[in-house]
Protein backbone atom coordinates (compact mmCIF):
# COMPACT_ATOMS: atom_id res chain seq x y z
CA PHE A 1 -24.21 -2.40 17.29
CA THR A 2 -25.15 -3.41 20.80
CA THR A 3 -24.59 -2.40 24.41
CA MET A 4 -23.31 -4.25 27.47
CA ALA A 5 -26.77 -3.95 29.05
CA ILE A 6 -28.36 -5.78 26.11
CA LEU A 7 -25.61 -8.41 26.03
CA LEU A 8 -25.84 -9.08 29.77
CA LYS A 9 -29.61 -9.44 29.50
CA ARG A 10 -29.26 -12.03 26.71
CA ILE A 11 -26.45 -14.18 28.12
CA SER A 12 -28.70 -16.37 30.21
CA ASP A 13 -30.93 -17.02 27.18
CA VAL A 14 -28.04 -18.55 25.27
CA GLY A 15 -26.40 -20.38 28.17
CA TYR A 16 -23.32 -18.24 28.71
CA PRO A 17 -21.95 -17.66 32.22
CA SER A 18 -23.24 -14.60 34.04
CA THR A 19 -19.82 -13.51 35.36
CA PHE A 20 -16.64 -12.49 33.62
CA ASP A 21 -14.33 -14.78 35.61
CA ASN A 22 -11.45 -16.06 33.47
CA VAL A 23 -12.62 -14.17 30.39
CA PRO A 24 -9.64 -12.86 28.39
CA MET A 25 -9.48 -9.08 28.52
CA ARG A 26 -7.45 -6.43 26.76
CA PRO A 27 -5.22 -4.15 28.82
CA PHE A 28 -6.39 -0.54 29.10
CA ALA A 29 -4.68 2.68 30.10
CA PRO A 30 -5.93 6.20 30.76
CA ASP A 31 -6.04 8.73 27.92
CA LEU A 32 -2.91 10.79 27.42
CA PRO A 33 -3.24 14.30 28.86
CA LEU A 34 -4.52 16.78 26.25
CA ALA A 35 -1.17 18.61 26.17
CA GLN A 36 0.57 15.39 25.03
CA ARG A 37 -1.86 14.60 22.19
CA PRO A 38 -1.16 15.74 18.62
CA ALA A 39 -3.20 18.69 17.34
CA SER A 40 -4.67 16.65 14.48
CA GLY A 41 -4.37 13.42 12.61
CA SER A 42 -5.89 11.24 9.96
CA ILE A 43 -5.99 7.60 8.87
CA THR A 44 -6.94 6.27 5.43
CA VAL A 45 -7.76 2.59 4.98
CA PRO A 46 -8.39 1.69 1.32
CA TYR A 47 -10.55 -1.22 0.23
CA ARG A 48 -11.44 -2.35 -3.28
CA ASN A 49 -14.90 -0.71 -3.28
CA GLN A 50 -14.55 2.06 -0.67
CA THR A 51 -12.15 4.00 1.50
CA ILE A 52 -12.54 4.27 5.25
CA GLY A 53 -11.16 7.41 6.85
CA TYR A 54 -10.67 8.61 10.39
CA LYS A 55 -10.01 12.16 11.59
CA TYR A 56 -8.42 12.51 15.01
CA ILE A 57 -10.06 14.98 17.41
CA PRO A 58 -7.71 15.70 20.34
CA SER A 59 -10.31 17.38 22.60
CA THR A 60 -12.30 14.13 22.80
CA ASP A 61 -9.35 11.79 22.14
CA SER A 62 -11.38 10.10 19.44
CA TYR A 63 -11.45 9.39 15.71
CA LEU A 64 -14.41 10.46 13.57
CA ARG A 65 -15.17 7.87 10.88
CA SER A 66 -15.96 8.51 7.21
CA VAL A 67 -16.75 6.31 4.23
CA ASP A 68 -15.56 7.58 0.85
CA ALA A 69 -14.83 11.01 2.42
CA LYS A 70 -18.41 11.38 3.75
CA ALA A 71 -19.15 11.36 7.46
CA GLN A 72 -20.58 8.01 8.58
CA VAL A 73 -23.63 8.79 10.70
CA ASP A 74 -25.05 6.51 13.38
CA PHE A 75 -28.75 6.39 12.56
CA ALA A 76 -29.58 5.56 16.20
CA ASN A 77 -28.36 8.93 17.50
CA GLY A 78 -27.72 11.08 14.42
CA GLN A 79 -24.06 11.58 15.40
CA GLN A 80 -20.98 10.86 13.34
CA VAL A 81 -19.58 7.42 14.14
CA MET A 82 -16.45 7.63 16.25
CA ALA A 83 -13.88 5.33 17.79
CA ARG A 84 -11.45 5.77 20.64
CA ASN A 85 -9.02 3.20 19.16
CA VAL A 86 -8.50 2.11 15.57
CA ILE A 87 -6.67 -1.14 14.86
CA VAL A 88 -5.60 -2.23 11.39
CA LEU A 89 -4.76 -5.92 11.03
CA PHE A 90 -2.84 -7.02 7.95
CA GLN A 91 -4.04 -10.55 7.20
CA SER A 92 -4.10 -12.94 4.28
CA ILE A 93 -7.38 -12.67 2.41
CA ALA A 94 -8.60 -15.06 -0.26
CA THR A 95 -11.97 -15.94 -1.71
CA ASP A 96 -13.65 -19.30 -2.11
CA MET A 97 -16.35 -19.60 -4.74
CA GLN A 98 -19.43 -21.25 -3.25
CA LYS A 99 -20.83 -23.90 -5.55
CA GLY A 100 -24.27 -23.34 -6.98
CA ASP A 101 -24.89 -19.76 -5.98
CA ASN A 102 -21.88 -17.86 -7.40
CA TYR A 103 -21.14 -16.45 -3.95
CA ARG A 104 -17.56 -15.61 -3.08
CA GLU A 105 -16.85 -16.36 0.57
CA PRO A 106 -13.93 -14.43 2.03
CA ILE A 107 -11.31 -16.52 3.79
CA VAL A 108 -9.29 -14.44 6.25
CA GLY A 109 -6.08 -15.71 7.82
CA SER A 110 -6.97 -14.56 11.33
CA VAL A 111 -5.03 -17.22 13.27
CA GLY A 112 -1.28 -16.93 13.69
CA LYS A 113 0.58 -13.63 13.66
CA GLY A 114 1.17 -10.67 11.41
CA ASN A 115 1.67 -6.93 11.21
CA ALA A 116 -0.74 -4.36 12.59
CA LEU A 117 -1.14 -0.66 13.23
CA VAL A 118 -2.72 0.58 16.45
CA PHE A 119 -4.02 4.13 16.68
CA ARG A 120 -4.79 5.62 20.08
CA ASP A 121 -4.36 9.09 21.58
CA GLY A 122 -3.66 10.41 18.07
CA GLN A 123 -0.54 8.27 17.79
CA ALA A 124 0.32 5.37 15.49
CA ILE A 125 1.99 2.30 16.95
CA LYS A 126 3.54 -0.24 14.58
CA ALA A 127 2.53 -3.57 16.04
CA THR A 128 2.34 -7.32 15.68
CA TRP A 129 -0.94 -9.20 16.14
CA LYS A 130 -1.02 -12.75 17.49
CA LYS A 131 -3.93 -15.16 17.79
CA ALA A 132 -3.43 -18.76 18.94
CA ASN A 133 -6.71 -20.24 17.65
CA ASP A 134 -10.20 -19.33 16.42
CA THR A 135 -11.57 -18.66 19.91
CA ALA A 136 -8.55 -16.82 21.33
CA LEU A 137 -8.43 -13.05 21.71
CA THR A 138 -6.23 -11.30 19.15
CA ARG A 139 -3.38 -9.73 21.10
CA LEU A 140 -1.36 -6.71 19.97
CA TYR A 141 2.34 -6.17 20.76
CA ASP A 142 4.70 -3.26 20.23
CA ALA A 143 8.23 -3.57 18.81
CA ALA A 144 9.63 -4.35 22.28
CA GLY A 145 7.19 -7.25 22.70
CA HIS A 146 4.94 -5.53 25.26
CA GLU A 147 1.18 -5.88 24.92
CA ILE A 148 -0.31 -2.60 23.71
CA THR A 149 -2.82 -0.89 25.95
CA LEU A 150 -5.92 0.74 24.51
CA VAL A 151 -8.00 3.60 25.86
CA ARG A 152 -11.46 2.69 27.12
CA GLY A 153 -14.24 3.11 24.61
CA GLU A 154 -15.18 2.09 21.11
CA THR A 155 -12.55 0.16 19.20
CA PHE A 156 -12.78 -0.34 15.45
CA ILE A 157 -10.79 -3.15 13.88
CA GLN A 158 -10.09 -2.85 10.15
CA VAL A 159 -8.86 -6.01 8.43
CA VAL A 160 -6.95 -5.46 5.21
CA ALA A 161 -4.94 -7.68 2.90
CA ILE A 162 -1.23 -7.99 3.53
CA GLY A 163 0.52 -5.27 1.51
CA THR A 164 -2.37 -2.77 1.63
CA LYS A 165 -1.10 0.82 1.77
CA VAL A 166 -2.69 2.38 4.87
CA THR A 167 -1.75 6.04 5.24
CA TYR A 168 -1.75 8.14 8.38
CA LYS A 169 -0.36 11.38 9.71
CA SER A 170 -0.45 13.45 12.86
CA SER A 171 0.69 16.95 13.69
C-alpha cells in the first residue's frame, strides 16, 4: 500500500513527470444518497486456495474485505480493510513453468476485452472491460457502452479466470 504523498515525493527520483497532464484518468461520480443505497450486500470471489469476501456497509458506502470469512485487517491502522469500489475482471489465466526452479508463472490475458462486474454504491453493474495494450488503462463499460463511473476512494480489482462463479446479493 502507498499514498499519493509518498508517490509524489518519489516521482522525481525515478524520472516521471511532476504533473498529471495527459495522464489517463477514470471517470468519477458522487456517492448515491444514503436513501438510494441498498440496506446490505455481499460479494464472494472464489480462488483455488482462498475466498475473498466483501460486505457492503451503506452508511459509509464501502465494502469491508474478508479472506476465508475472516476480517482482513490493515496492520498499519488496525482497521478492517475496505474498498469504495470492487471490480472483478474475468480474464484468461494460464501458467508457464519456469525452467530450473519449478516456479509456475501466471500468464493473465489482460489486453483485449472481456466481461467484468463493477460494484459501487452497493449495486452490481454487469460490464465489459477493454484494454488496448500493456500500458493502457483498463476501461469499464456498461451494457449501453457508456464508461462506468466509480466513487472516489479505494478501488480493489479482483482478477479471476473466465467462468469463475462470483456471487453477490443486495437487499
